[in-house]
C-alpha atoms as a PDB file:
ATOM      1  CA  MET A   1       0.000   0.000   0.000  1.00  0.00           C
ATOM      2  CA  PHE A   2       2.815   2.430   0.885  1.00  0.00           C
ATOM      3  CA  GLU A   3       4.590   1.786  -2.419  1.00  0.00           C
ATOM      4  CA  LEU A   4       1.389   2.380  -4.410  1.00  0.00           C
ATOM      5  CA  THR A   5       0.640   5.578  -2.514  1.00  0.00           C
ATOM      6  CA  LEU A   6       4.166   6.893  -3.028  1.00  0.00           C
ATOM      7  CA  PHE A   7       3.955   6.074  -6.747  1.00  0.00           C
ATOM      8  CA  TYR A   8       0.604   7.881  -6.987  1.00  0.00           C
ATOM      9  CA  LEU A   9       1.946  10.998  -5.271  1.00  0.00           C
ATOM     10  CA  LEU A  10       5.054  11.028  -7.458  1.00  0.00           C
ATOM     11  CA  LEU A  11       2.883  10.639 -10.539  1.00  0.00           C
ATOM     12  CA  CYS A  12       0.711  13.599  -9.478  1.00  0.00           C
ATOM     13  CA  TYR A  13       3.872  15.651  -8.846  1.00  0.00           C
ATOM     14  CA  PHE A  14       5.168  14.771 -12.310  1.00  0.00           C
ATOM     15  CA  ILE A  15       1.864  15.859 -13.844  1.00  0.00           C
ATOM     16  CA  GLN A  16       1.991  19.192 -12.008  1.00  0.00           C
ATOM     17  CA  GLU A  17       5.555  19.781 -13.189  1.00  0.00           C
ATOM     18  CA  ASN A  18       4.580  19.197 -16.828  1.00  0.00           C
ATOM     19  CA  ARG A  19       1.691  21.581 -17.255  1.00  0.00           C
ATOM     20  CA  ASP A  20       3.069  22.939 -20.521  1.00  0.00           C
ATOM     21  CA  LYS A  21       2.170  19.698 -22.294  1.00  0.00           C
ATOM     22  CA  MET A  22      -0.714  19.922 -24.735  1.00  0.00           C
ATOM     23  CA  PRO A  23      -4.110  18.732 -23.421  1.00  0.00           C
ATOM     24  CA  LEU A  24      -6.135  16.097 -25.260  1.00  0.00           C
ATOM     25  CA  ASP A  25      -7.598  17.296 -28.546  1.00  0.00           C
ATOM     26  CA  LEU A  26     -11.202  16.288 -27.925  1.00  0.00           C
ATOM     27  CA  PRO A  27     -14.233  17.512 -29.924  1.00  0.00           C
ATOM     28  CA  ALA A  28     -16.193  17.799 -26.666  1.00  0.00           C
ATOM     29  CA  ILE A  29     -13.547  20.085 -25.149  1.00  0.00           C
ATOM     30  CA  ASN A  30     -13.577  22.192 -28.306  1.00  0.00           C
ATOM     31  CA  ARG A  31     -17.353  22.553 -28.031  1.00  0.00           C
ATOM     32  CA  LEU A  32     -17.018  23.627 -24.402  1.00  0.00           C
ATOM     33  CA  ASN A  33     -14.355  26.164 -25.356  1.00  0.00           C
ATOM     34  CA  ASN A  34     -16.806  27.747 -27.783  1.00  0.00           C
ATOM     35  CA  LYS A  35     -18.824  28.693 -24.700  1.00  0.00           C
ATOM     36  CA  CYS A  36     -17.968  31.339 -22.131  1.00  0.00           C
ATOM     37  CA  ILE A  37     -16.878  29.338 -19.091  1.00  0.00           C
ATOM     38  CA  VAL A  38     -16.512  31.100 -15.739  1.00  0.00           C
ATOM     39  CA  LEU A  39     -14.815  29.642 -12.678  1.00  0.00           C
ATOM     40  CA  ALA A  40     -16.402  31.072  -9.535  1.00  0.00           C
ATOM     41  CA  SER A  41     -13.246  30.735  -7.460  1.00  0.00           C
ATOM     42  CA  ALA A  42     -10.011  32.626  -6.861  1.00  0.00           C
ATOM     43  CA  SER A  43      -8.144  29.388  -6.090  1.00  0.00           C
ATOM     44  CA  PRO A  44      -5.060  29.069  -8.299  1.00  0.00           C
ATOM     45  CA  ARG A  45      -5.182  25.315  -7.784  1.00  0.00           C
ATOM     46  CA  ARG A  46      -8.686  25.084  -9.249  1.00  0.00           C
ATOM     47  CA  SER A  47      -7.599  27.237 -12.173  1.00  0.00           C
ATOM     48  CA  GLU A  48      -4.676  24.874 -12.791  1.00  0.00           C
ATOM     49  CA  ILE A  49      -6.976  21.855 -12.761  1.00  0.00           C
ATOM     50  CA  LEU A  50      -9.333  23.385 -15.358  1.00  0.00           C
ATOM     51  CA  THR A  51      -6.335  24.394 -17.468  1.00  0.00           C
ATOM     52  CA  ASP A  52      -5.056  20.812 -17.296  1.00  0.00           C
ATOM     53  CA  MET A  53      -8.369  19.707 -18.807  1.00  0.00           C
ATOM     54  CA  GLY A  54      -7.750  21.966 -21.793  1.00  0.00           C
ATOM     55  CA  LEU A  55     -10.523  24.391 -20.877  1.00  0.00           C
ATOM     56  CA  LYS A  56     -10.478  28.103 -21.623  1.00  0.00           C
ATOM     57  CA  PHE A  57     -12.209  30.081 -18.893  1.00  0.00           C
ATOM     58  CA  LYS A  58     -12.418  33.334 -16.992  1.00  0.00           C
ATOM     59  CA  VAL A  59     -12.314  33.778 -13.224  1.00  0.00           C
ATOM     60  CA  VAL A  60     -15.004  35.717 -11.366  1.00  0.00           C
ATOM     61  CA  THR A  61     -14.810  35.339  -7.600  1.00  0.00           C
ATOM     62  CA  THR A  62     -17.869  35.420  -5.400  1.00  0.00           C
ATOM     63  CA  LEU A  63     -18.450  38.570  -3.360  1.00  0.00           C
ATOM     64  CA  LYS A  64     -20.807  36.915  -0.900  1.00  0.00           C
ATOM     65  CA  PRO A  65     -19.130  35.843   2.350  1.00  0.00           C
ATOM     66  CA  ASP A  66     -19.442  32.184   3.291  1.00  0.00           C
ATOM     67  CA  GLU A  67     -21.816  32.393   6.227  1.00  0.00           C
ATOM     68  CA  ASN A  68     -23.150  28.838   6.072  1.00  0.00           C
ATOM     69  CA  ASP A  69     -23.029  27.020   9.399  1.00  0.00           C
ATOM     70  CA  PRO A  70     -21.962  23.367   9.007  1.00  0.00           C
ATOM     71  CA  THR A  71     -23.872  22.393  12.136  1.00  0.00           C
ATOM     72  CA  ALA A  72     -27.126  23.618  10.577  1.00  0.00           C
ATOM     73  CA  TYR A  73     -27.035  20.776   8.034  1.00  0.00           C
ATOM     74  CA  LYS A  74     -27.871  17.112   8.550  1.00  0.00           C
ATOM     75  CA  THR A  75     -24.725  16.007   6.728  1.00  0.00           C
ATOM     76  CA  ARG A  76     -21.428  17.577   5.756  1.00  0.00           C
ATOM     77  CA  SER A  77     -22.189  16.649   2.142  1.00  0.00           C
ATOM     78  CA  GLU A  78     -25.299  18.826   2.237  1.00  0.00           C
ATOM     79  CA  TYR A  79     -23.276  21.676   3.693  1.00  0.00           C
ATOM     80  CA  VAL A  80     -20.532  21.631   1.068  1.00  0.00           C
ATOM     81  CA  ALA A  81     -23.064  21.170  -1.754  1.00  0.00           C
ATOM     82  CA  ASP A  82     -25.078  24.168  -0.584  1.00  0.00           C
ATOM     83  CA  THR A  83     -21.955  26.333  -0.274  1.00  0.00           C
ATOM     84  CA  ALA A  84     -20.910  25.447  -3.840  1.00  0.00           C
ATOM     85  CA  LEU A  85     -24.443  26.257  -5.014  1.00  0.00           C
ATOM     86  CA  MET A  86     -24.319  29.645  -3.270  1.00  0.00           C
ATOM     87  CA  LYS A  87     -21.024  30.540  -4.951  1.00  0.00           C
ATOM     88  CA  ALA A  88     -22.148  29.481  -8.413  1.00  0.00           C
ATOM     89  CA  VAL A  89     -25.508  31.262  -8.225  1.00  0.00           C
ATOM     90  CA  GLU A  90     -24.008  34.506  -6.912  1.00  0.00           C
ATOM     91  CA  VAL A  91     -21.447  34.641  -9.719  1.00  0.00           C
ATOM     92  CA  TYR A  92     -23.925  33.572 -12.415  1.00  0.00           C
ATOM     93  CA  ASP A  93     -26.390  36.301 -11.375  1.00  0.00           C
ATOM     94  CA  ARG A  94     -23.689  38.972 -11.370  1.00  0.00           C
ATOM     95  CA  CYS A  95     -22.432  37.904 -14.783  1.00  0.00           C
ATOM     96  CA  LYS A  96     -25.997  38.148 -16.076  1.00  0.00           C
ATOM     97  CA  ASP A  97     -26.620  41.615 -14.588  1.00  0.00           C
ATOM     98  CA  ASP A  98     -23.214  43.314 -14.926  1.00  0.00           C
ATOM     99  CA  ASN A  99     -22.085  44.021 -18.496  1.00  0.00           C
ATOM    100  CA  GLN A 100     -18.533  44.532 -17.203  1.00  0.00           C
ATOM    101  CA  LEU A 101     -18.361  40.820 -16.407  1.00  0.00           C
ATOM    102  CA  PRO A 102     -18.233  37.898 -18.859  1.00  0.00           C
ATOM    103  CA  ASN A 103     -21.548  36.838 -20.392  1.00  0.00           C
ATOM    104  CA  ALA A 104     -21.293  33.383 -18.864  1.00  0.00           C
ATOM    105  CA  ASP A 105     -22.673  30.297 -20.600  1.00  0.00           C
ATOM    106  CA  ILE A 106     -21.263  27.982 -17.933  1.00  0.00           C
ATOM    107  CA  VAL A 107     -20.401  28.810 -14.323  1.00  0.00           C
ATOM    108  CA  ILE A 108     -18.518  26.348 -12.141  1.00  0.00           C
ATOM    109  CA  GLY A 109     -18.730  26.835  -8.379  1.00  0.00           C
ATOM    110  CA  ALA A 110     -16.923  24.661  -5.855  1.00  0.00           C
ATOM    111  CA  ASP A 111     -16.219  24.337  -2.162  1.00  0.00           C
ATOM    112  CA  THR A 112     -13.815  21.947  -0.436  1.00  0.00           C
ATOM    113  CA  ILE A 113     -13.871  20.959   3.222  1.00  0.00           C
ATOM    114  CA  VAL A 114     -11.841  18.646   5.455  1.00  0.00           C
ATOM    115  CA  VAL A 115     -13.901  16.508   7.825  1.00  0.00           C
ATOM    116  CA  LYS A 116     -12.725  14.534  10.850  1.00  0.00           C
ATOM    117  CA  ASP A 117     -15.312  12.664  12.928  1.00  0.00           C
ATOM    118  CA  GLU A 118     -18.083  14.719  11.260  1.00  0.00           C
ATOM    119  CA  HIS A 119     -16.399  17.947  12.372  1.00  0.00           C
ATOM    120  CA  VAL A 120     -15.437  20.440   9.652  1.00  0.00           C
ATOM    121  CA  LEU A 121     -11.837  21.633   9.972  1.00  0.00           C
ATOM    122  CA  GLU A 122     -11.673  25.202   8.666  1.00  0.00           C
ATOM    123  CA  LYS A 123      -8.545  27.208   7.874  1.00  0.00           C
ATOM    124  CA  PRO A 124      -6.459  27.550  11.042  1.00  0.00           C
ATOM    125  CA  LYS A 125      -6.754  30.892  12.809  1.00  0.00           C
ATOM    126  CA  ASP A 126      -3.275  30.855  14.355  1.00  0.00           C
ATOM    127  CA  ARG A 127      -0.294  28.613  15.140  1.00  0.00           C
ATOM    128  CA  GLU A 128      -1.962  26.834  18.050  1.00  0.00           C
ATOM    129  CA  HIS A 129      -5.052  26.159  15.948  1.00  0.00           C
ATOM    130  CA  ALA A 130      -2.817  24.703  13.197  1.00  0.00           C
ATOM    131  CA  PHE A 131      -1.096  22.439  15.754  1.00  0.00           C
ATOM    132  CA  LYS A 132      -4.468  21.273  17.044  1.00  0.00           C
ATOM    133  CA  MET A 133      -5.594  20.312  13.543  1.00  0.00           C
ATOM    134  CA  LEU A 134      -2.403  18.394  12.824  1.00  0.00           C
ATOM    135  CA  ARG A 135      -2.753  16.513  16.094  1.00  0.00           C
ATOM    136  CA  GLN A 136      -6.310  15.570  15.083  1.00  0.00           C
ATOM    137  CA  LEU A 137      -5.154  14.302  11.685  1.00  0.00           C
ATOM    138  CA  SER A 138      -1.974  12.537  12.865  1.00  0.00           C
ATOM    139  CA  GLY A 139      -2.226   8.762  12.447  1.00  0.00           C
ATOM    140  CA  GLN A 140      -5.886   9.023  11.480  1.00  0.00           C
ATOM    141  CA  THR A 141      -8.115   8.860   8.415  1.00  0.00           C
ATOM    142  CA  HIS A 142     -10.155  11.906   7.489  1.00  0.00           C
ATOM    143  CA  GLN A 143     -12.406  12.849   4.598  1.00  0.00           C
ATOM    144  CA  VAL A 144     -12.095  15.609   2.033  1.00  0.00           C
ATOM    145  CA  LEU A 145     -15.388  16.632   0.424  1.00  0.00           C
ATOM    146  CA  THR A 146     -15.717  18.889  -2.598  1.00  0.00           C
ATOM    147  CA  GLY A 147     -19.103  20.146  -3.681  1.00  0.00           C
ATOM    148  CA  VAL A 148     -19.363  21.211  -7.312  1.00  0.00           C
ATOM    149  CA  HIS A 149     -22.274  23.132  -8.823  1.00  0.00           C
ATOM    150  CA  VAL A 150     -22.422  23.869 -12.553  1.00  0.00           C
ATOM    151  CA  ILE A 151     -24.927  26.345 -13.997  1.00  0.00           C
ATOM    152  CA  TYR A 152     -25.286  26.433 -17.777  1.00  0.00           C
ATOM    153  CA  LYS A 153     -27.455  27.753 -20.572  1.00  0.00           C
ATOM    154  CA  THR A 154     -29.055  25.227 -22.894  1.00  0.00           C
ATOM    155  CA  LYS A 155     -29.356  25.749 -26.645  1.00  0.00           C
ATOM    156  CA  SER A 156     -32.841  27.154 -26.122  1.00  0.00           C
ATOM    157  CA  GLY A 157     -31.498  29.691 -23.624  1.00  0.00           C
ATOM    158  CA  LYS A 158     -32.969  28.001 -20.574  1.00  0.00           C
ATOM    159  CA  VAL A 159     -30.858  27.797 -17.417  1.00  0.00           C
ATOM    160  CA  ALA A 160     -30.076  24.332 -16.073  1.00  0.00           C
ATOM    161  CA  THR A 161     -27.780  22.934 -13.401  1.00  0.00           C
ATOM    162  CA  THR A 162     -25.856  19.846 -12.434  1.00  0.00           C
ATOM    163  CA  SER A 163     -24.169  19.199  -9.119  1.00  0.00           C
ATOM    164  CA  PHE A 164     -22.351  16.533  -7.152  1.00  0.00           C
ATOM    165  CA  VAL A 165     -20.205  15.946  -4.073  1.00  0.00           C
ATOM    166  CA  GLU A 166     -16.989  13.950  -4.287  1.00  0.00           C
ATOM    167  CA  LYS A 167     -15.348  12.310  -1.246  1.00  0.00           C
ATOM    168  CA  THR A 168     -11.735  11.234  -0.782  1.00  0.00           C
ATOM    169  CA  ASP A 169     -10.410   9.389   2.270  1.00  0.00           C
ATOM    170  CA  VAL A 170      -6.930  10.503   3.337  1.00  0.00           C
ATOM    171  CA  THR A 171      -4.830   8.723   5.969  1.00  0.00           C
ATOM    172  CA  PHE A 172      -1.920  10.493   7.668  1.00  0.00           C
ATOM    173  CA  SER A 173       1.059   8.760   9.235  1.00  0.00           C
ATOM    174  CA  VAL A 174       1.755   9.497  12.900  1.00  0.00           C
ATOM    175  CA  LEU A 175       3.432  12.918  13.095  1.00  0.00           C
ATOM    176  CA  ASP A 176       5.820  13.769  15.895  1.00  0.00           C
ATOM    177  CA  SER A 177       6.118  17.229  17.425  1.00  0.00           C
ATOM    178  CA  ASP A 178       9.199  18.134  15.369  1.00  0.00           C
ATOM    179  CA  ILE A 179       7.391  17.407  12.108  1.00  0.00           C
ATOM    180  CA  MET A 180       4.334  19.388  13.149  1.00  0.00           C
ATOM    181  CA  SER A 181       6.426  22.309  14.392  1.00  0.00           C
ATOM    182  CA  SER A 182       8.397  22.444  11.162  1.00  0.00           C
ATOM    183  CA  TYR A 183       5.252  22.307   9.044  1.00  0.00           C
ATOM    184  CA  VAL A 184       3.501  25.053  10.988  1.00  0.00           C
ATOM    185  CA  ALA A 185       6.662  27.189  10.810  1.00  0.00           C
ATOM    186  CA  SER A 186       6.644  26.832   7.008  1.00  0.00           C
ATOM    187  CA  GLY A 187       3.425  28.866   6.901  1.00  0.00           C
ATOM    188  CA  GLU A 188       1.767  26.426   4.517  1.00  0.00           C
ATOM    189  CA  PRO A 189      -1.197  25.473   6.751  1.00  0.00           C
ATOM    190  CA  PHE A 190      -2.703  28.928   7.167  1.00  0.00           C
ATOM    191  CA  ASP A 191      -4.621  29.448   3.937  1.00  0.00           C
ATOM    192  CA  LYS A 192      -5.890  25.892   3.579  1.00  0.00           C
ATOM    193  CA  ALA A 193      -8.947  24.075   4.854  1.00  0.00           C
ATOM    194  CA  GLY A 194      -7.889  21.436   7.339  1.00  0.00           C
ATOM    195  CA  GLY A 195      -4.562  23.143   7.853  1.00  0.00           C
ATOM    196  CA  TYR A 196      -2.627  21.344   5.134  1.00  0.00           C
ATOM    197  CA  GLY A 197      -2.033  21.285   1.377  1.00  0.00           C
ATOM    198  CA  ILE A 198      -1.539  17.868  -0.167  1.00  0.00           C
ATOM    199  CA  GLN A 199       0.130  19.401  -3.214  1.00  0.00           C
ATOM    200  CA  GLY A 200       2.784  20.923  -0.943  1.00  0.00           C
ATOM    201  CA  GLU A 201       4.986  19.654   1.866  1.00  0.00           C
ATOM    202  CA  ALA A 202       2.066  17.824   3.512  1.00  0.00           C
ATOM    203  CA  ALA A 203       2.326  15.185   0.763  1.00  0.00           C
ATOM    204  CA  LEU A 204       5.066  13.746   3.002  1.00  0.00           C
ATOM    205  CA  PHE A 205       2.477  12.971   5.683  1.00  0.00           C
ATOM    206  CA  VAL A 206       0.059  11.024   3.480  1.00  0.00           C
ATOM    207  CA  GLU A 207       0.137   7.283   4.083  1.00  0.00           C
ATOM    208  CA  SER A 208      -2.726   6.432   1.751  1.00  0.00           C
ATOM    209  CA  ILE A 209      -5.505   7.923  -0.337  1.00  0.00           C
ATOM    210  CA  HIS A 210      -8.790   6.334  -1.352  1.00  0.00           C
ATOM    211  CA  GLY A 211     -10.432   8.416  -4.054  1.00  0.00           C
ATOM    212  CA  ASP A 212      -9.442  11.264  -6.356  1.00  0.00           C
ATOM    213  CA  TYR A 213      -6.181  12.984  -5.383  1.00  0.00           C
ATOM    214  CA  TRP A 214      -7.239  16.145  -7.212  1.00  0.00           C
ATOM    215  CA  ASN A 215     -10.374  16.318  -5.080  1.00  0.00           C
ATOM    216  CA  VAL A 216      -8.065  16.982  -2.123  1.00  0.00           C
ATOM    217  CA  VAL A 217      -6.278  19.687  -4.124  1.00  0.00           C
ATOM    218  CA  GLY A 218      -9.590  21.471  -4.763  1.00  0.00           C
ATOM    219  CA  LEU A 219     -11.519  19.974  -7.702  1.00  0.00           C
ATOM    220  CA  PRO A 220     -12.298  16.323  -8.499  1.00  0.00           C
ATOM    221  CA  LYS A 221     -10.700  16.247 -11.929  1.00  0.00           C
ATOM    222  CA  ASN A 222     -12.134  12.927 -13.121  1.00  0.00           C
ATOM    223  CA  ARG A 223     -15.748  13.509 -12.033  1.00  0.00           C
ATOM    224  CA  LEU A 224     -15.823  17.112 -13.256  1.00  0.00           C
ATOM    225  CA  PHE A 225     -14.243  16.114 -16.574  1.00  0.00           C
ATOM    226  CA  MET A 226     -16.857  13.405 -17.143  1.00  0.00           C
ATOM    227  CA  GLU A 227     -19.725  15.733 -16.170  1.00  0.00           C
ATOM    228  CA  LEU A 228     -18.490  18.452 -18.562  1.00  0.00           C
ATOM    229  CA  ILE A 229     -17.959  15.957 -21.378  1.00  0.00           C
ATOM    230  CA  ALA A 230     -21.536  14.748 -20.871  1.00  0.00           C
ATOM    231  CA  LEU A 231     -22.726  18.374 -21.094  1.00  0.00           C
ATOM    232  CA  ALA A 232     -20.769  18.917 -24.292  1.00  0.00           C
ATOM    233  CA  ASP A 233     -22.146  15.732 -25.849  1.00  0.00           C
ATOM    234  CA  ASN A 234     -25.752  15.959 -24.669  1.00  0.00           C
ATOM    235  CA  VAL A 235     -26.419  19.705 -24.472  1.00  0.00           C
ATOM    236  CA  PHE A 236     -23.956  21.510 -26.715  1.00  0.00           C
ATOM    237  CA  SER A 237     -23.575  18.994 -29.582  1.00  0.00           C
END
């Protein structure tokens, strides 16, 4: 299991280091690129993932603060799905009403959360909070959930949507105090949900992954790719 996980992480690193390679020349991707695609996120990692797919898009970040309370939802999946919906709708409506923004045909909204024992781990507020999160994750398995909401215009001009939630199980090795101290001192935990970035130094802590690696980075590349290809084939063909 360790060897397979290490191979998978090295493969993902190799892919990230070779982003200048040409994407697949697919008719479905070409059809999508004839539409105005908007990513409702300022995340550079999500932008990289869409670029890897060969998509041309514009970025319009949501102006509405995330005020959803995870404890108000029955499940964490419902929470992350609703947050992604909120982001996509807010950006779609602004693009429709503001002629200074792109006239969006497709808006992609997403939200990613880290969950341990049904508790959502937000971005750490300070060093002690970052340490606390790492102690919670050390030697344990947690879940990363990404909600994705896609709003699009059909050929007839009607507005339709598709949405899903992707889950990835991530298991950390046991981390000693020196490792945690060094990681917190690096500054990497502070702008990331759950207090770590798998595409960064925290890749060293990952013992195993069950699910889509890219889901942990910020967008489930496989599921989103298949959903967009289905749109291109069934709606935009």
